[in-house]
Amino acid sequence: MTEMGMTDSQFKAFIRFLLDALEEVKKETGENKDKKLDKILENLHSSLED
């Protein structure tokens, strides 16, 4: 089975998505902030498992 990697453009798009998500969380406060951070972490973990 061959592994498929990301192109530079795809990787940059992923990083932009991650930066945008983190910027949104930065604006939040309290419990909502924690929930959003947990969701980002969950998505990153899922991406690594694929």
PDB file of N, CA and C in Angstrom:
ATOM      1  N   MET A   1       0.851  -1.167   0.000  1.00  0.00           N
ATOM      2  CA  MET A   1       0.000   0.000   0.000  1.00  0.00           C
ATOM      3  C   MET A   1       0.904   1.239   0.000  1.00  0.00           C
ATOM      4  N   THR A   2       0.579   2.192  -0.854  1.00  0.00           N
ATOM      5  CA  THR A   2       1.369   3.411  -0.921  1.00  0.00           C
ATOM      6  C   THR A   2       0.701   4.515  -0.119  1.00  0.00           C
ATOM      7  N   GLU A   3       1.525   5.321   0.490  1.00  0.00           N
ATOM      8  CA  GLU A   3       1.038   6.459   1.261  1.00  0.00           C
ATOM      9  C   GLU A   3       0.933   7.667   0.340  1.00  0.00           C
ATOM     10  N   MET A   4      -0.113   8.439   0.525  1.00  0.00           N
ATOM     11  CA  MET A   4      -0.254   9.672  -0.226  1.00  0.00           C
ATOM     12  C   MET A   4       0.099  10.837   0.691  1.00  0.00           C
ATOM     13  N   GLY A   5       0.963  11.698   0.211  1.00  0.00           N
ATOM     14  CA  GLY A   5       1.350  12.865   0.989  1.00  0.00           C
ATOM     15  C   GLY A   5       0.580  14.091   0.533  1.00  0.00           C
ATOM     16  N   MET A   6       0.888  15.202   1.160  1.00  0.00           N
ATOM     17  CA  MET A   6       0.262  16.476   0.819  1.00  0.00           C
ATOM     18  C   MET A   6       1.197  17.259  -0.084  1.00  0.00           C
ATOM     19  N   THR A   7       0.601  18.001  -0.984  1.00  0.00           N
ATOM     20  CA  THR A   7       1.394  18.954  -1.744  1.00  0.00           C
ATOM     21  C   THR A   7       1.679  20.150  -0.851  1.00  0.00           C
ATOM     22  N   ASP A   8       2.592  20.979  -1.278  1.00  0.00           N
ATOM     23  CA  ASP A   8       2.882  22.198  -0.508  1.00  0.00           C
ATOM     24  C   ASP A   8       1.631  23.054  -0.371  1.00  0.00           C
ATOM     25  N   SER A   9       0.856  23.159  -1.428  1.00  0.00           N
ATOM     26  CA  SER A   9      -0.365  23.974  -1.391  1.00  0.00           C
ATOM     27  C   SER A   9      -1.377  23.406  -0.405  1.00  0.00           C
ATOM     28  N   GLN A  10      -1.525  22.094  -0.378  1.00  0.00           N
ATOM     29  CA  GLN A  10      -2.454  21.464   0.560  1.00  0.00           C
ATOM     30  C   GLN A  10      -1.994  21.666   1.997  1.00  0.00           C
ATOM     31  N   PHE A  11      -0.694  21.554   2.236  1.00  0.00           N
ATOM     32  CA  PHE A  11      -0.168  21.745   3.580  1.00  0.00           C
ATOM     33  C   PHE A  11      -0.383  23.185   4.033  1.00  0.00           C
ATOM     34  N   LYS A  12      -0.126  24.139   3.150  1.00  0.00           N
ATOM     35  CA  LYS A  12      -0.337  25.544   3.483  1.00  0.00           C
ATOM     36  C   LYS A  12      -1.809  25.825   3.775  1.00  0.00           C
ATOM     37  N   ALA A  13      -2.703  25.195   3.026  1.00  0.00           N
ATOM     38  CA  ALA A  13      -4.135  25.365   3.280  1.00  0.00           C
ATOM     39  C   ALA A  13      -4.503  24.806   4.649  1.00  0.00           C
ATOM     40  N   PHE A  14      -3.926  23.678   5.009  1.00  0.00           N
ATOM     41  CA  PHE A  14      -4.164  23.082   6.321  1.00  0.00           C
ATOM     42  C   PHE A  14      -3.680  24.017   7.430  1.00  0.00           C
ATOM     43  N   ILE A  15      -2.501  24.583   7.255  1.00  0.00           N
ATOM     44  CA  ILE A  15      -1.953  25.504   8.255  1.00  0.00           C
ATOM     45  C   ILE A  15      -2.824  26.748   8.358  1.00  0.00           C
ATOM     46  N   ARG A  16      -3.327  27.264   7.232  1.00  0.00           N
ATOM     47  CA  ARG A  16      -4.218  28.426   7.267  1.00  0.00           C
ATOM     48  C   ARG A  16      -5.498  28.097   8.022  1.00  0.00           C
ATOM     49  N   PHE A  17      -6.048  26.900   7.781  1.00  0.00           N
ATOM     50  CA  PHE A  17      -7.242  26.463   8.503  1.00  0.00           C
ATOM     51  C   PHE A  17      -6.973  26.410  10.007  1.00  0.00           C
ATOM     52  N   LEU A  18      -5.840  25.852  10.385  1.00  0.00           N
ATOM     53  CA  LEU A  18      -5.481  25.735  11.792  1.00  0.00           C
ATOM     54  C   LEU A  18      -5.280  27.113  12.425  1.00  0.00           C
ATOM     55  N   LEU A  19      -4.583  27.995  11.734  1.00  0.00           N
ATOM     56  CA  LEU A  19      -4.387  29.353  12.252  1.00  0.00           C
ATOM     57  C   LEU A  19      -5.713  30.077  12.436  1.00  0.00           C
ATOM     58  N   ASP A  20      -6.610  29.938  11.473  1.00  0.00           N
ATOM     59  CA  ASP A  20      -7.916  30.576  11.575  1.00  0.00           C
ATOM     60  C   ASP A  20      -8.685  30.056  12.787  1.00  0.00           C
ATOM     61  N   ALA A  21      -8.667  28.746  12.972  1.00  0.00           N
ATOM     62  CA  ALA A  21      -9.372  28.143  14.105  1.00  0.00           C
ATOM     63  C   ALA A  21      -8.785  28.632  15.424  1.00  0.00           C
ATOM     64  N   LEU A  22      -7.472  28.718  15.504  1.00  0.00           N
ATOM     65  CA  LEU A  22      -6.835  29.180  16.740  1.00  0.00           C
ATOM     66  C   LEU A  22      -7.095  30.663  16.990  1.00  0.00           C
ATOM     67  N   GLU A  23      -7.138  31.466  15.942  1.00  0.00           N
ATOM     68  CA  GLU A  23      -7.466  32.887  16.099  1.00  0.00           C
ATOM     69  C   GLU A  23      -8.884  33.060  16.641  1.00  0.00           C
ATOM     70  N   GLU A  24      -9.814  32.230  16.169  1.00  0.00           N
ATOM     71  CA  GLU A  24     -11.194  32.286  16.669  1.00  0.00           C
ATOM     72  C   GLU A  24     -11.249  31.930  18.147  1.00  0.00           C
ATOM     73  N   VAL A  25     -10.498  30.911  18.539  1.00  0.00           N
ATOM     74  CA  VAL A  25     -10.482  30.497  19.945  1.00  0.00           C
ATOM     75  C   VAL A  25      -9.868  31.589  20.811  1.00  0.00           C
ATOM     76  N   LYS A  26      -8.874  32.255  20.299  1.00  0.00           N
ATOM     77  CA  LYS A  26      -8.203  33.315  21.048  1.00  0.00           C
ATOM     78  C   LYS A  26      -9.191  34.407  21.470  1.00  0.00           C
ATOM     79  N   LYS A  27     -10.230  34.628  20.668  1.00  0.00           N
ATOM     80  CA  LYS A  27     -11.235  35.651  20.952  1.00  0.00           C
ATOM     81  C   LYS A  27     -12.241  35.214  22.026  1.00  0.00           C
ATOM     82  N   GLU A  28     -12.342  33.931  22.255  1.00  0.00           N
ATOM     83  CA  GLU A  28     -13.335  33.391  23.189  1.00  0.00           C
ATOM     84  C   GLU A  28     -12.880  33.518  24.637  1.00  0.00           C
ATOM     85  N   THR A  29     -13.831  33.322  25.539  1.00  0.00           N
ATOM     86  CA  THR A  29     -13.517  33.300  26.968  1.00  0.00           C
ATOM     87  C   THR A  29     -14.234  32.125  27.632  1.00  0.00           C
ATOM     88  N   GLY A  30     -13.750  31.740  28.780  1.00  0.00           N
ATOM     89  CA  GLY A  30     -14.428  30.748  29.618  1.00  0.00           C
ATOM     90  C   GLY A  30     -14.577  29.372  29.006  1.00  0.00           C
ATOM     91  N   GLU A  31     -15.706  28.759  29.327  1.00  0.00           N
ATOM     92  CA  GLU A  31     -15.972  27.378  28.933  1.00  0.00           C
ATOM     93  C   GLU A  31     -16.033  27.208  27.424  1.00  0.00           C
ATOM     94  N   ASN A  32     -16.562  28.197  26.730  1.00  0.00           N
ATOM     95  CA  ASN A  32     -16.662  28.119  25.276  1.00  0.00           C
ATOM     96  C   ASN A  32     -15.276  28.003  24.648  1.00  0.00           C
ATOM     97  N   LYS A  33     -14.308  28.705  25.217  1.00  0.00           N
ATOM     98  CA  LYS A  33     -12.932  28.647  24.731  1.00  0.00           C
ATOM     99  C   LYS A  33     -12.380  27.238  24.883  1.00  0.00           C
ATOM    100  N   ASP A  34     -12.612  26.636  26.046  1.00  0.00           N
ATOM    101  CA  ASP A  34     -12.136  25.278  26.301  1.00  0.00           C
ATOM    102  C   ASP A  34     -12.759  24.281  25.334  1.00  0.00           C
ATOM    103  N   LYS A  35     -14.046  24.426  25.061  1.00  0.00           N
ATOM    104  CA  LYS A  35     -14.734  23.516  24.142  1.00  0.00           C
ATOM    105  C   LYS A  35     -14.156  23.622  22.738  1.00  0.00           C
ATOM    106  N   LYS A  36     -13.906  24.843  22.301  1.00  0.00           N
ATOM    107  CA  LYS A  36     -13.362  25.041  20.956  1.00  0.00           C
ATOM    108  C   LYS A  36     -11.940  24.497  20.850  1.00  0.00           C
ATOM    109  N   LEU A  37     -11.129  24.716  21.883  1.00  0.00           N
ATOM    110  CA  LEU A  37      -9.776  24.162  21.885  1.00  0.00           C
ATOM    111  C   LEU A  37      -9.803  22.641  21.873  1.00  0.00           C
ATOM    112  N   ASP A  38     -10.704  22.058  22.646  1.00  0.00           N
ATOM    113  CA  ASP A  38     -10.843  20.599  22.668  1.00  0.00           C
ATOM    114  C   ASP A  38     -11.209  20.071  21.283  1.00  0.00           C
ATOM    115  N   LYS A  39     -12.075  20.780  20.571  1.00  0.00           N
ATOM    116  CA  LYS A  39     -12.491  20.355  19.231  1.00  0.00           C
ATOM    117  C   LYS A  39     -11.317  20.416  18.254  1.00  0.00           C
ATOM    118  N   ILE A  40     -10.525  21.476  18.338  1.00  0.00           N
ATOM    119  CA  ILE A  40      -9.350  21.586  17.474  1.00  0.00           C
ATOM    120  C   ILE A  40      -8.371  20.453  17.757  1.00  0.00           C
ATOM    121  N   LEU A  41      -8.129  20.192  19.037  1.00  0.00           N
ATOM    122  CA  LEU A  41      -7.226  19.106  19.413  1.00  0.00           C
ATOM    123  C   LEU A  41      -7.742  17.750  18.926  1.00  0.00           C
ATOM    124  N   GLU A  42      -9.029  17.538  19.060  1.00  0.00           N
ATOM    125  CA  GLU A  42      -9.649  16.297  18.598  1.00  0.00           C
ATOM    126  C   GLU A  42      -9.459  16.133  17.086  1.00  0.00           C
ATOM    127  N   ASN A  43      -9.667  17.211  16.338  1.00  0.00           N
ATOM    128  CA  ASN A  43      -9.493  17.161  14.887  1.00  0.00           C
ATOM    129  C   ASN A  43      -8.046  16.884  14.498  1.00  0.00           C
ATOM    130  N   LEU A  44      -7.109  17.481  15.218  1.00  0.00           N
ATOM    131  CA  LEU A  44      -5.695  17.233  14.926  1.00  0.00           C
ATOM    132  C   LEU A  44      -5.326  15.777  15.214  1.00  0.00           C
ATOM    133  N   HIS A  45      -5.801  15.252  16.327  1.00  0.00           N
ATOM    134  CA  HIS A  45      -5.541  13.848  16.649  1.00  0.00           C
ATOM    135  C   HIS A  45      -6.133  12.932  15.578  1.00  0.00           C
ATOM    136  N   SER A  46      -7.341  13.233  15.131  1.00  0.00           N
ATOM    137  CA  SER A  46      -7.980  12.430  14.084  1.00  0.00           C
ATOM    138  C   SER A  46      -7.186  12.469  12.795  1.00  0.00           C
ATOM    139  N   SER A  47      -6.651  13.622  12.468  1.00  0.00           N
ATOM    140  CA  SER A  47      -5.848  13.767  11.245  1.00  0.00           C
ATOM    141  C   SER A  47      -4.602  12.909  11.305  1.00  0.00           C
ATOM    142  N   LEU A  48      -4.009  12.829  12.475  1.00  0.00           N
ATOM    143  CA  LEU A  48      -2.795  12.012  12.613  1.00  0.00           C
ATOM    144  C   LEU A  48      -3.094  10.524  12.514  1.00  0.00           C
ATOM    145  N   GLU A  49      -4.286  10.112  12.895  1.00  0.00           N
ATOM    146  CA  GLU A  49      -4.643   8.700  12.873  1.00  0.00           C
ATOM    147  C   GLU A  49      -5.050   8.204  11.494  1.00  0.00           C
ATOM    148  N   ASP A  50      -5.409   9.123  10.590  1.00  0.00           N
ATOM    149  CA  ASP A  50      -5.827   8.724   9.235  1.00  0.00           C
ATOM    150  C   ASP A  50      -4.695   8.142   8.437  1.00  0.00           C
TER     151      ASP A  50
END
